[in-house]
Amino acid sequence: MAGFCVFCEIIAHREPAEIFYEDENAIVFRNRLKWAPVMLLAAPKKHLTQSELWSDMDAVGRAATLVGEEQCPNGFRLISNFGYDGMQSQNHAHVHILGGHFLGEYA
């Protein structure tokens, strides 16, 4: 991996984050953005691209659904952004967990 990655720094516990779940392969932490009352990020501990993550969602998918069900018992949405046009802001692969209220219809 080249350059600074804030997610890698959070995973190494060198950057602060409110961590909801962590095992040897995945981590779930609070997103700084506030699009919904519950806005968390599930990420692999290994620095991967979005495409690499989605080719094998095993550990991250399990962590995202476990924490989503805990934090949003009435339902939640998993979202992943790919590339510039998809508004991906971090190169480290991740999935957004959104919930905490009715999320409305799809656009």
PDB file of N, CA and C in Angstrom:
ATOM      1  N   MET A   1       0.842  -1.182   0.000  1.00  0.00           N
ATOM      2  CA  MET A   1       0.000   0.000   0.000  1.00  0.00           C
ATOM      3  C   MET A   1       0.878   1.232   0.000  1.00  0.00           C
ATOM      4  N   ALA A   2       0.582   2.164  -0.856  1.00  0.00           N
ATOM      5  CA  ALA A   2       1.354   3.407  -0.925  1.00  0.00           C
ATOM      6  C   ALA A   2       0.560   4.539  -0.301  1.00  0.00           C
ATOM      7  N   GLY A   3       1.247   5.390   0.452  1.00  0.00           N
ATOM      8  CA  GLY A   3       0.608   6.575   0.999  1.00  0.00           C
ATOM      9  C   GLY A   3      -0.136   6.324   2.294  1.00  0.00           C
ATOM     10  N   PHE A   4      -0.695   7.416   2.817  1.00  0.00           N
ATOM     11  CA  PHE A   4      -1.428   7.408   4.076  1.00  0.00           C
ATOM     12  C   PHE A   4      -2.841   6.871   3.869  1.00  0.00           C
ATOM     13  N   CYS A   5      -3.294   6.026   4.766  1.00  0.00           N
ATOM     14  CA  CYS A   5      -4.671   5.514   4.736  1.00  0.00           C
ATOM     15  C   CYS A   5      -5.242   5.629   6.150  1.00  0.00           C
ATOM     16  N   VAL A   6      -6.237   6.507   6.327  1.00  0.00           N
ATOM     17  CA  VAL A   6      -6.812   6.709   7.655  1.00  0.00           C
ATOM     18  C   VAL A   6      -7.461   5.426   8.183  1.00  0.00           C
ATOM     19  N   PHE A   7      -8.031   4.601   7.314  1.00  0.00           N
ATOM     20  CA  PHE A   7      -8.632   3.350   7.784  1.00  0.00           C
ATOM     21  C   PHE A   7      -7.554   2.409   8.324  1.00  0.00           C
ATOM     22  N   CYS A   8      -6.418   2.319   7.636  1.00  0.00           N
ATOM     23  CA  CYS A   8      -5.311   1.496   8.144  1.00  0.00           C
ATOM     24  C   CYS A   8      -4.827   2.018   9.495  1.00  0.00           C
ATOM     25  N   GLU A   9      -4.835   3.338   9.661  1.00  0.00           N
ATOM     26  CA  GLU A   9      -4.432   3.934  10.937  1.00  0.00           C
ATOM     27  C   GLU A   9      -5.436   3.607  12.042  1.00  0.00           C
ATOM     28  N   ILE A  10      -6.731   3.617  11.731  1.00  0.00           N
ATOM     29  CA  ILE A  10      -7.758   3.229  12.708  1.00  0.00           C
ATOM     30  C   ILE A  10      -7.587   1.759  13.074  1.00  0.00           C
ATOM     31  N   ILE A  11      -7.372   0.914  12.086  1.00  0.00           N
ATOM     32  CA  ILE A  11      -7.192  -0.523  12.322  1.00  0.00           C
ATOM     33  C   ILE A  11      -5.976  -0.778  13.217  1.00  0.00           C
ATOM     34  N   ALA A  12      -4.920   0.018  13.045  1.00  0.00           N
ATOM     35  CA  ALA A  12      -3.712  -0.113  13.866  1.00  0.00           C
ATOM     36  C   ALA A  12      -3.854   0.589  15.223  1.00  0.00           C
ATOM     37  N   HIS A  13      -5.010   1.213  15.469  1.00  0.00           N
ATOM     38  CA  HIS A  13      -5.290   1.953  16.710  1.00  0.00           C
ATOM     39  C   HIS A  13      -4.364   3.152  16.891  1.00  0.00           C
ATOM     40  N   ARG A  14      -3.944   3.740  15.787  1.00  0.00           N
ATOM     41  CA  ARG A  14      -3.147   4.976  15.837  1.00  0.00           C
ATOM     42  C   ARG A  14      -4.010   6.214  15.591  1.00  0.00           C
ATOM     43  N   GLU A  15      -5.229   6.019  15.107  1.00  0.00           N
ATOM     44  CA  GLU A  15      -6.216   7.088  14.939  1.00  0.00           C
ATOM     45  C   GLU A  15      -7.431   6.717  15.786  1.00  0.00           C
ATOM     46  N   PRO A  16      -8.063   7.712  16.419  1.00  0.00           N
ATOM     47  CA  PRO A  16      -9.220   7.396  17.259  1.00  0.00           C
ATOM     48  C   PRO A  16     -10.435   6.988  16.437  1.00  0.00           C
ATOM     49  N   ALA A  17     -11.230   6.091  16.991  1.00  0.00           N
ATOM     50  CA  ALA A  17     -12.488   5.673  16.384  1.00  0.00           C
ATOM     51  C   ALA A  17     -13.320   4.972  17.441  1.00  0.00           C
ATOM     52  N   GLU A  18     -14.639   5.105  17.317  1.00  0.00           N
ATOM     53  CA  GLU A  18     -15.550   4.358  18.169  1.00  0.00           C
ATOM     54  C   GLU A  18     -15.787   3.018  17.483  1.00  0.00           C
ATOM     55  N   ILE A  19     -15.176   1.974  18.029  1.00  0.00           N
ATOM     56  CA  ILE A  19     -15.202   0.649  17.417  1.00  0.00           C
ATOM     57  C   ILE A  19     -16.349  -0.165  18.009  1.00  0.00           C
ATOM     58  N   PHE A  20     -17.171  -0.740  17.133  1.00  0.00           N
ATOM     59  CA  PHE A  20     -18.313  -1.550  17.538  1.00  0.00           C
ATOM     60  C   PHE A  20     -18.019  -3.040  17.444  1.00  0.00           C
ATOM     61  N   TYR A  21     -17.088  -3.406  16.586  1.00  0.00           N
ATOM     62  CA  TYR A  21     -16.766  -4.823  16.368  1.00  0.00           C
ATOM     63  C   TYR A  21     -15.356  -4.890  15.808  1.00  0.00           C
ATOM     64  N   GLU A  22     -14.642  -5.929  16.242  1.00  0.00           N
ATOM     65  CA  GLU A  22     -13.304  -6.150  15.693  1.00  0.00           C
ATOM     66  C   GLU A  22     -12.935  -7.608  15.891  1.00  0.00           C
ATOM     67  N   ASP A  23     -12.448  -8.230  14.829  1.00  0.00           N
ATOM     68  CA  ASP A  23     -11.853  -9.553  14.928  1.00  0.00           C
ATOM     69  C   ASP A  23     -10.579  -9.542  14.092  1.00  0.00           C
ATOM     70  N   GLU A  24     -10.015 -10.702  13.799  1.00  0.00           N
ATOM     71  CA  GLU A  24      -8.733 -10.734  13.091  1.00  0.00           C
ATOM     72  C   GLU A  24      -8.832 -10.289  11.631  1.00  0.00           C
ATOM     73  N   ASN A  25     -10.049 -10.283  11.065  1.00  0.00           N
ATOM     74  CA  ASN A  25     -10.209  -9.964   9.644  1.00  0.00           C
ATOM     75  C   ASN A  25     -11.016  -8.717   9.331  1.00  0.00           C
ATOM     76  N   ALA A  26     -11.849  -8.253  10.268  1.00  0.00           N
ATOM     77  CA  ALA A  26     -12.772  -7.150   9.978  1.00  0.00           C
ATOM     78  C   ALA A  26     -12.901  -6.217  11.169  1.00  0.00           C
ATOM     79  N   ILE A  27     -13.362  -5.002  10.882  1.00  0.00           N
ATOM     80  CA  ILE A  27     -13.599  -3.995  11.910  1.00  0.00           C
ATOM     81  C   ILE A  27     -14.839  -3.203  11.515  1.00  0.00           C
ATOM     82  N   VAL A  28     -15.611  -2.779  12.510  1.00  0.00           N
ATOM     83  CA  VAL A  28     -16.762  -1.898  12.290  1.00  0.00           C
ATOM     84  C   VAL A  28     -16.604  -0.720  13.237  1.00  0.00           C
ATOM     85  N   PHE A  29     -16.654   0.487  12.673  1.00  0.00           N
ATOM     86  CA  PHE A  29     -16.503   1.691  13.489  1.00  0.00           C
ATOM     87  C   PHE A  29     -17.446   2.785  13.012  1.00  0.00           C
ATOM     88  N   ARG A  30     -17.670   3.783  13.877  1.00  0.00           N
ATOM     89  CA  ARG A  30     -18.581   4.877  13.564  1.00  0.00           C
ATOM     90  C   ARG A  30     -17.983   5.761  12.477  1.00  0.00           C
ATOM     91  N   ASN A  31     -18.818   6.113  11.512  1.00  0.00           N
ATOM     92  CA  ASN A  31     -18.424   7.053  10.458  1.00  0.00           C
ATOM     93  C   ASN A  31     -18.531   8.468  11.011  1.00  0.00           C
ATOM     94  N   ARG A  32     -17.642   9.341  10.600  1.00  0.00           N
ATOM     95  CA  ARG A  32     -17.703  10.739  11.021  1.00  0.00           C
ATOM     96  C   ARG A  32     -18.834  11.489  10.325  1.00  0.00           C
ATOM     97  N   LEU A  33     -19.289  10.986   9.179  1.00  0.00           N
ATOM     98  CA  LEU A  33     -20.404  11.599   8.473  1.00  0.00           C
ATOM     99  C   LEU A  33     -21.712  11.265   9.184  1.00  0.00           C
ATOM    100  N   LYS A  34     -22.713  12.082   9.002  1.00  0.00           N
ATOM    101  CA  LYS A  34     -23.985  11.907   9.716  1.00  0.00           C
ATOM    102  C   LYS A  34     -25.165  11.873   8.746  1.00  0.00           C
ATOM    103  N   TRP A  35     -25.145  10.980   7.762  1.00  0.00           N
ATOM    104  CA  TRP A  35     -26.238  10.863   6.799  1.00  0.00           C
ATOM    105  C   TRP A  35     -27.480  10.249   7.413  1.00  0.00           C
ATOM    106  N   ALA A  36     -27.308   9.481   8.480  1.00  0.00           N
ATOM    107  CA  ALA A  36     -28.398   8.792   9.160  1.00  0.00           C
ATOM    108  C   ALA A  36     -28.048   8.724  10.644  1.00  0.00           C
ATOM    109  N   PRO A  37     -29.050   8.501  11.520  1.00  0.00           N
ATOM    110  CA  PRO A  37     -28.748   8.406  12.953  1.00  0.00           C
ATOM    111  C   PRO A  37     -27.682   7.360  13.277  1.00  0.00           C
ATOM    112  N   VAL A  38     -27.725   6.219  12.584  1.00  0.00           N
ATOM    113  CA  VAL A  38     -26.671   5.213  12.723  1.00  0.00           C
ATOM    114  C   VAL A  38     -25.924   5.176  11.397  1.00  0.00           C
ATOM    115  N   MET A  39     -24.639   5.498  11.444  1.00  0.00           N
ATOM    116  CA  MET A  39     -23.813   5.468  10.243  1.00  0.00           C
ATOM    117  C   MET A  39     -22.466   4.887  10.630  1.00  0.00           C
ATOM    118  N   LEU A  40     -22.284   3.622  10.287  1.00  0.00           N
ATOM    119  CA  LEU A  40     -21.074   2.881  10.641  1.00  0.00           C
ATOM    120  C   LEU A  40     -20.373   2.435   9.370  1.00  0.00           C
ATOM    121  N   LEU A  41     -19.120   2.046   9.518  1.00  0.00           N
ATOM    122  CA  LEU A  41     -18.327   1.526   8.408  1.00  0.00           C
ATOM    123  C   LEU A  41     -17.796   0.154   8.784  1.00  0.00           C
ATOM    124  N   ALA A  42     -17.980  -0.812   7.904  1.00  0.00           N
ATOM    125  CA  ALA A  42     -17.395  -2.146   8.065  1.00  0.00           C
ATOM    126  C   ALA A  42     -16.285  -2.269   7.032  1.00  0.00           C
ATOM    127  N   ALA A  43     -15.101  -2.665   7.477  1.00  0.00           N
ATOM    128  CA  ALA A  43     -13.950  -2.721   6.579  1.00  0.00           C
ATOM    129  C   ALA A  43     -13.106  -3.951   6.874  1.00  0.00           C
ATOM    130  N   PRO A  44     -12.440  -4.454   5.839  1.00  0.00           N
ATOM    131  CA  PRO A  44     -11.473  -5.530   6.086  1.00  0.00           C
ATOM    132  C   PRO A  44     -10.240  -4.938   6.757  1.00  0.00           C
ATOM    133  N   LYS A  45      -9.580  -5.694   7.582  1.00  0.00           N
ATOM    134  CA  LYS A  45      -8.347  -5.201   8.194  1.00  0.00           C
ATOM    135  C   LYS A  45      -7.227  -5.096   7.166  1.00  0.00           C
ATOM    136  N   LYS A  46      -7.248  -5.962   6.179  1.00  0.00           N
ATOM    137  CA  LYS A  46      -6.271  -5.897   5.097  1.00  0.00           C
ATOM    138  C   LYS A  46      -6.704  -4.797   4.126  1.00  0.00           C
ATOM    139  N   HIS A  47      -5.763  -3.999   3.683  1.00  0.00           N
ATOM    140  CA  HIS A  47      -6.064  -2.924   2.735  1.00  0.00           C
ATOM    141  C   HIS A  47      -6.405  -3.546   1.380  1.00  0.00           C
ATOM    142  N   LEU A  48      -7.692  -3.442   0.998  1.00  0.00           N
ATOM    143  CA  LEU A  48      -8.188  -3.985  -0.264  1.00  0.00           C
ATOM    144  C   LEU A  48      -8.909  -2.895  -1.041  1.00  0.00           C
ATOM    145  N   THR A  49      -9.115  -3.120  -2.326  1.00  0.00           N
ATOM    146  CA  THR A  49      -9.981  -2.254  -3.120  1.00  0.00           C
ATOM    147  C   THR A  49     -11.432  -2.713  -2.925  1.00  0.00           C
ATOM    148  N   GLN A  50     -12.385  -1.875  -3.336  1.00  0.00           N
ATOM    149  CA  GLN A  50     -13.789  -2.259  -3.252  1.00  0.00           C
ATOM    150  C   GLN A  50     -14.033  -3.552  -4.048  1.00  0.00           C
ATOM    151  N   SER A  51     -13.491  -3.648  -5.238  1.00  0.00           N
ATOM    152  CA  SER A  51     -13.692  -4.844  -6.066  1.00  0.00           C
ATOM    153  C   SER A  51     -13.125  -6.085  -5.396  1.00  0.00           C
ATOM    154  N   GLU A  52     -11.959  -5.970  -4.782  1.00  0.00           N
ATOM    155  CA  GLU A  52     -11.383  -7.118  -4.074  1.00  0.00           C
ATOM    156  C   GLU A  52     -12.277  -7.531  -2.906  1.00  0.00           C
ATOM    157  N   LEU A  53     -12.783  -6.566  -2.172  1.00  0.00           N
ATOM    158  CA  LEU A  53     -13.669  -6.879  -1.045  1.00  0.00           C
ATOM    159  C   LEU A  53     -14.927  -7.594  -1.525  1.00  0.00           C
ATOM    160  N   TRP A  54     -15.563  -7.062  -2.557  1.00  0.00           N
ATOM    161  CA  TRP A  54     -16.831  -7.624  -3.010  1.00  0.00           C
ATOM    162  C   TRP A  54     -16.670  -8.974  -3.698  1.00  0.00           C
ATOM    163  N   SER A  55     -15.470  -9.347  -4.071  1.00  0.00           N
ATOM    164  CA  SER A  55     -15.272 -10.686  -4.625  1.00  0.00           C
ATOM    165  C   SER A  55     -15.265 -11.737  -3.517  1.00  0.00           C
ATOM    166  N   ASP A  56     -15.122 -11.298  -2.246  1.00  0.00           N
ATOM    167  CA  ASP A  56     -15.169 -12.205  -1.101  1.00  0.00           C
ATOM    168  C   ASP A  56     -15.589 -11.406   0.134  1.00  0.00           C
ATOM    169  N   MET A  57     -16.883 -11.309   0.362  1.00  0.00           N
ATOM    170  CA  MET A  57     -17.434 -10.498   1.456  1.00  0.00           C
ATOM    171  C   MET A  57     -17.525 -11.257   2.779  1.00  0.00           C
ATOM    172  N   ASP A  58     -16.932 -12.405   2.884  1.00  0.00           N
ATOM    173  CA  ASP A  58     -17.101 -13.291   4.029  1.00  0.00           C
ATOM    174  C   ASP A  58     -17.020 -12.575   5.377  1.00  0.00           C
ATOM    175  N   ALA A  59     -15.839 -12.168   5.817  1.00  0.00           N
ATOM    176  CA  ALA A  59     -15.655 -11.600   7.154  1.00  0.00           C
ATOM    177  C   ALA A  59     -16.338 -10.247   7.296  1.00  0.00           C
ATOM    178  N   VAL A  60     -16.214  -9.385   6.295  1.00  0.00           N
ATOM    179  CA  VAL A  60     -16.799  -8.046   6.379  1.00  0.00           C
ATOM    180  C   VAL A  60     -18.325  -8.132   6.300  1.00  0.00           C
ATOM    181  N   GLY A  61     -18.850  -8.984   5.441  1.00  0.00           N
ATOM    182  CA  GLY A  61     -20.297  -9.163   5.362  1.00  0.00           C
ATOM    183  C   GLY A  61     -20.879  -9.663   6.672  1.00  0.00           C
ATOM    184  N   ARG A  62     -20.216 -10.603   7.280  1.00  0.00           N
ATOM    185  CA  ARG A  62     -20.659 -11.146   8.573  1.00  0.00           C
ATOM    186  C   ARG A  62     -20.636 -10.049   9.640  1.00  0.00           C
ATOM    187  N   ALA A  63     -19.542  -9.278   9.705  1.00  0.00           N
ATOM    188  CA  ALA A  63     -19.433  -8.204  10.698  1.00  0.00           C
ATOM    189  C   ALA A  63     -20.482  -7.119  10.456  1.00  0.00           C
ATOM    190  N   ALA A  64     -20.693  -6.734   9.194  1.00  0.00           N
ATOM    191  CA  ALA A  64     -21.661  -5.682   8.867  1.00  0.00           C
ATOM    192  C   ALA A  64     -23.073  -6.093   9.266  1.00  0.00           C
ATOM    193  N   THR A  65     -23.462  -7.321   8.976  1.00  0.00           N
ATOM    194  CA  THR A  65     -24.819  -7.744   9.318  1.00  0.00           C
ATOM    195  C   THR A  65     -24.995  -7.938  10.824  1.00  0.00           C
ATOM    196  N   LEU A  66     -23.978  -8.439  11.500  1.00  0.00           N
ATOM    197  CA  LEU A  66     -24.046  -8.618  12.951  1.00  0.00           C
ATOM    198  C   LEU A  66     -24.257  -7.277  13.647  1.00  0.00           C
ATOM    199  N   VAL A  67     -23.418  -6.285  13.333  1.00  0.00           N
ATOM    200  CA  VAL A  67     -23.524  -4.980  13.983  1.00  0.00           C
ATOM    201  C   VAL A  67     -24.770  -4.239  13.500  1.00  0.00           C
ATOM    202  N   GLY A  68     -25.124  -4.364  12.219  1.00  0.00           N
ATOM    203  CA  GLY A  68     -26.356  -3.747  11.722  1.00  0.00           C
ATOM    204  C   GLY A  68     -27.573  -4.237  12.486  1.00  0.00           C
ATOM    205  N   GLU A  69     -27.656  -5.540  12.711  1.00  0.00           N
ATOM    206  CA  GLU A  69     -28.781  -6.101  13.462  1.00  0.00           C
ATOM    207  C   GLU A  69     -28.778  -5.644  14.917  1.00  0.00           C
ATOM    208  N   GLU A  70     -27.599  -5.490  15.520  1.00  0.00           N
ATOM    209  CA  GLU A  70     -27.500  -5.010  16.908  1.00  0.00           C
ATOM    210  C   GLU A  70     -27.916  -3.547  17.025  1.00  0.00           C
ATOM    211  N   GLN A  71     -27.388  -2.704  16.158  1.00  0.00           N
ATOM    212  CA  GLN A  71     -27.568  -1.264  16.265  1.00  0.00           C
ATOM    213  C   GLN A  71     -28.865  -0.754  15.627  1.00  0.00           C
ATOM    214  N   CYS A  72     -29.424  -1.506  14.689  1.00  0.00           N
ATOM    215  CA  CYS A  72     -30.616  -1.084  13.937  1.00  0.00           C
ATOM    216  C   CYS A  72     -31.618  -2.236  13.890  1.00  0.00           C
ATOM    217  N   PRO A  73     -32.246  -2.578  15.029  1.00  0.00           N
ATOM    218  CA  PRO A  73     -33.112  -3.755  15.059  1.00  0.00           C
ATOM    219  C   PRO A  73     -34.331  -3.663  14.139  1.00  0.00           C
ATOM    220  N   ASN A  74     -34.723  -2.472  13.714  1.00  0.00           N
ATOM    221  CA  ASN A  74     -35.867  -2.326  12.808  1.00  0.00           C
ATOM    222  C   ASN A  74     -35.467  -2.362  11.341  1.00  0.00           C
ATOM    223  N   GLY A  75     -34.175  -2.492  11.069  1.00  0.00           N
ATOM    224  CA  GLY A  75     -33.698  -2.581   9.694  1.00  0.00           C
ATOM    225  C   GLY A  75     -32.577  -1.616   9.402  1.00  0.00           C
ATOM    226  N   PHE A  76     -31.818  -1.925   8.371  1.00  0.00           N
ATOM    227  CA  PHE A  76     -30.666  -1.108   7.994  1.00  0.00           C
ATOM    228  C   PHE A  76     -30.379  -1.313   6.522  1.00  0.00           C
ATOM    229  N   ARG A  77     -29.482  -0.510   6.010  1.00  0.00           N
ATOM    230  CA  ARG A  77     -29.091  -0.585   4.600  1.00  0.00           C
ATOM    231  C   ARG A  77     -27.571  -0.679   4.532  1.00  0.00           C
ATOM    232  N   LEU A  78     -27.068  -1.549   3.656  1.00  0.00           N
ATOM    233  CA  LEU A  78     -25.635  -1.644   3.384  1.00  0.00           C
ATOM    234  C   LEU A  78     -25.385  -1.004   2.027  1.00  0.00           C
ATOM    235  N   ILE A  79     -24.403  -0.105   1.985  1.00  0.00           N
ATOM    236  CA  ILE A  79     -24.089   0.620   0.754  1.00  0.00           C
ATOM    237  C   ILE A  79     -22.578   0.609   0.558  1.00  0.00           C
ATOM    238  N   SER A  80     -22.159   0.489  -0.674  1.00  0.00           N
ATOM    239  CA  SER A  80     -20.737   0.560  -0.999  1.00  0.00           C
ATOM    240  C   SER A  80     -20.565   1.430  -2.233  1.00  0.00           C
ATOM    241  N   ASN A  81     -19.675   2.392  -2.160  1.00  0.00           N
ATOM    242  CA  ASN A  81     -19.407   3.300  -3.272  1.00  0.00           C
ATOM    243  C   ASN A  81     -18.147   2.840  -4.001  1.00  0.00           C
ATOM    244  N   PHE A  82     -18.192   2.887  -5.338  1.00  0.00           N
ATOM    245  CA  PHE A  82     -17.068   2.455  -6.166  1.00  0.00           C
ATOM    246  C   PHE A  82     -16.602   3.617  -7.029  1.00  0.00           C
ATOM    247  N   GLY A  83     -15.355   4.019  -6.872  1.00  0.00           N
ATOM    248  CA  GLY A  83     -14.734   5.015  -7.745  1.00  0.00           C
ATOM    249  C   GLY A  83     -15.267   6.426  -7.580  1.00  0.00           C
ATOM    250  N   TYR A  84     -14.692   7.318  -8.360  1.00  0.00           N
ATOM    251  CA  TYR A  84     -15.015   8.749  -8.287  1.00  0.00           C
ATOM    252  C   TYR A  84     -16.487   9.019  -8.555  1.00  0.00           C
ATOM    253  N   ASP A  85     -17.030   8.494  -9.643  1.00  0.00           N
ATOM    254  CA  ASP A  85     -18.433   8.741  -9.990  1.00  0.00           C
ATOM    255  C   ASP A  85     -19.389   8.150  -8.956  1.00  0.00           C
ATOM    256  N   GLY A  86     -18.968   7.093  -8.275  1.00  0.00           N
ATOM    257  CA  GLY A  86     -19.775   6.491  -7.219  1.00  0.00           C
ATOM    258  C   GLY A  86     -19.570   7.154  -5.868  1.00  0.00           C
ATOM    259  N   MET A  87     -18.762   8.208  -5.828  1.00  0.00           N
ATOM    260  CA  MET A  87     -18.460   9.002  -4.631  1.00  0.00           C
ATOM    261  C   MET A  87     -17.688   8.225  -3.559  1.00  0.00           C
ATOM    262  N   GLN A  88     -16.811   7.325  -3.982  1.00  0.00           N
ATOM    263  CA  GLN A  88     -15.943   6.638  -3.036  1.00  0.00           C
ATOM    264  C   GLN A  88     -14.894   7.624  -2.554  1.00  0.00           C
ATOM    265  N   SER A  89     -14.830   7.859  -1.236  1.00  0.00           N
ATOM    266  CA  SER A  89     -13.908   8.862  -0.701  1.00  0.00           C
ATOM    267  C   SER A  89     -12.653   8.260  -0.076  1.00  0.00           C
ATOM    268  N   GLN A  90     -12.656   6.965   0.224  1.00  0.00           N
ATOM    269  CA  GLN A  90     -11.496   6.296   0.810  1.00  0.00           C
ATOM    270  C   GLN A  90     -11.118   5.116  -0.066  1.00  0.00           C
ATOM    271  N   ASN A  91      -9.823   4.954  -0.318  1.00  0.00           N
ATOM    272  CA  ASN A  91      -9.360   3.834  -1.137  1.00  0.00           C
ATOM    273  C   ASN A  91      -9.482   2.489  -0.429  1.00  0.00           C
ATOM    274  N   HIS A  92      -9.444   2.491   0.899  1.00  0.00           N
ATOM    275  CA  HIS A  92      -9.558   1.253   1.676  1.00  0.00           C
ATOM    276  C   HIS A  92     -11.003   0.760   1.556  1.00  0.00           C
ATOM    277  N   ALA A  93     -11.184  -0.479   1.141  1.00  0.00           N
ATOM    278  CA  ALA A  93     -12.509  -1.051   0.942  1.00  0.00           C
ATOM    279  C   ALA A  93     -13.358  -0.930   2.205  1.00  0.00           C
ATOM    280  N   HIS A  94     -14.643  -0.644   2.032  1.00  0.00           N
ATOM    281  CA  HIS A  94     -15.550  -0.527   3.166  1.00  0.00           C
ATOM    282  C   HIS A  94     -16.996  -0.579   2.707  1.00  0.00           C
ATOM    283  N   VAL A  95     -17.869  -0.862   3.660  1.00  0.00           N
ATOM    284  CA  VAL A  95     -19.311  -0.902   3.445  1.00  0.00           C
ATOM    285  C   VAL A  95     -19.947   0.014   4.484  1.00  0.00           C
ATOM    286  N   HIS A  96     -20.850   0.875   4.045  1.00  0.00           N
ATOM    287  CA  HIS A  96     -21.605   1.733   4.952  1.00  0.00           C
ATOM    288  C   HIS A  96     -22.774   0.948   5.535  1.00  0.00           C
ATOM    289  N   ILE A  97     -22.992   1.098   6.838  1.00  0.00           N
ATOM    290  CA  ILE A  97     -24.160   0.543   7.513  1.00  0.00           C
ATOM    291  C   ILE A  97     -24.995   1.740   7.944  1.00  0.00           C
ATOM    292  N   LEU A  98     -26.161   1.899   7.341  1.00  0.00           N
ATOM    293  CA  LEU A  98     -27.042   3.038   7.635  1.00  0.00           C
ATOM    294  C   LEU A  98     -28.323   2.556   8.257  1.00  0.00           C
ATOM    295  N   GLY A  99     -28.806   3.282   9.270  1.00  0.00           N
ATOM    296  CA  GLY A  99     -30.074   2.934   9.884  1.00  0.00           C
ATOM    297  C   GLY A  99     -30.421   3.903  10.993  1.00  0.00           C
ATOM    298  N   GLY A 100     -31.285   3.448  11.878  1.00  0.00           N
ATOM    299  CA  GLY A 100     -31.697   4.268  13.010  1.00  0.00           C
ATOM    300  C   GLY A 100     -33.007   4.996  12.786  1.00  0.00           C
ATOM    301  N   HIS A 101     -33.528   4.966  11.578  1.00  0.00           N
ATOM    302  CA  HIS A 101     -34.843   5.506  11.246  1.00  0.00           C
ATOM    303  C   HIS A 101     -35.253   4.980   9.877  1.00  0.00           C
ATOM    304  N   PHE A 102     -36.469   5.276   9.461  1.00  0.00           N
ATOM    305  CA  PHE A 102     -36.923   4.839   8.144  1.00  0.00           C
ATOM    306  C   PHE A 102     -36.083   5.543   7.087  1.00  0.00           C
ATOM    307  N   LEU A 103     -35.475   4.784   6.214  1.00  0.00           N
ATOM    308  CA  LEU A 103     -34.548   5.347   5.221  1.00  0.00           C
ATOM    309  C   LEU A 103     -35.223   5.796   3.944  1.00  0.00           C
ATOM    310  N   GLY A 104     -36.500   5.538   3.778  1.00  0.00           N
ATOM    311  CA  GLY A 104     -37.226   6.025   2.632  1.00  0.00           C
ATOM    312  C   GLY A 104     -37.042   5.159   1.402  1.00  0.00           C
ATOM    313  N   GLU A 105     -37.659   5.628   0.337  1.00  0.00           N
ATOM    314  CA  GLU A 105     -37.609   4.925  -0.942  1.00  0.00           C
ATOM    315  C   GLU A 105     -36.249   5.110  -1.608  1.00  0.00           C
ATOM    316  N   TYR A 106     -35.930   4.218  -2.518  1.00  0.00           N
ATOM    317  CA  TYR A 106     -34.712   4.346  -3.303  1.00  0.00           C
ATOM    318  C   TYR A 106     -34.885   5.445  -4.325  1.00  0.00           C
ATOM    319  N   ALA A 107     -33.818   6.146  -4.624  1.00  0.00           N
ATOM    320  CA  ALA A 107     -33.858   7.208  -5.632  1.00  0.00           C
ATOM    321  C   ALA A 107     -33.807   6.629  -7.029  1.00  0.00           C
TER     322      ALA A 107
END
